[in-house]
Amino acid sequence: MELSPRQRDVLNFITRFVKDKGYPPTIREIGHAVNISSTSVVDYNLNILQTKGYIHRDREVSRGVRLLEKDTELQEVGADAFVIRIPVLGRIVASEPVPIPDEDFSPLDAEDSIALTRDIMQEQGPIYALEVKGDSMIDALIHDGDIVVMKPQAQYSNGDLVAAWLKAEKETTLKRFFRESRTRVRLQPANPTMEPIYVHPSNLEIQGKVIAVVRQL
């Protein structure tokens, strides 16, 4: 089936983008490149390309366009080449400490997971995600129901946003970390109505640093 000039422009841009960057463009990037201001018009043309067998779309992923080998110029790019699945291990609430995955952990071992593209998530090593419960970090633009992506690490710096396990209280909390002295750590909320939490380092276990936030709209 023949493509219209606009559909050919869209297809050619996707092909060049994938060859240059190794992952597909977003709908907005496509629209900007081919002078289409409406995302719905881009979506319409992508649907036609899919119907005609030039691409496959995964609507659950923001860069979910996969080229198919219909044209000799096109090269299929598998979803695993640009998508990483991150296990969602629980919620940050008053609960048991979050089990941190080791190097051999597979996202398939978790009951739930989220998918992010590799251009967004370039971190190496074990990472995991948690669902935020509560509004203690609203001034950091982290709201109830958002997903935070965490990375365990050996050291943490003042101002890092961390998941902190309070051993005596048996609670997990999402706060900014500040080491004020050898005997006191301040866990600072980003909500003017809430007071900071002061703890002795021996009562604290940092379970990971926030490296990304997935907002629930």
Foldseek 3Di string as FASTA:
>chain_A
DDDDPLLVLLLVVQQVCCVVPVAGDFLVVSCVSSVNPDSVVSVVSVVVCVVVPQWDADVQARRGIFGDPPDVSHDTRDPVRWKDKAAAQEAQWLAADTDFDAQPDDSVVHPDIHIYTCVLPVDDGGKHKHAYADCQAVLVVRHHGKIFIWDDDDDDDAQFFFFKQQQVSSGTDTFTWDDPDQFWIWGHTNDVVDDIDIGGPVRIDTPGTGPDMGDDD
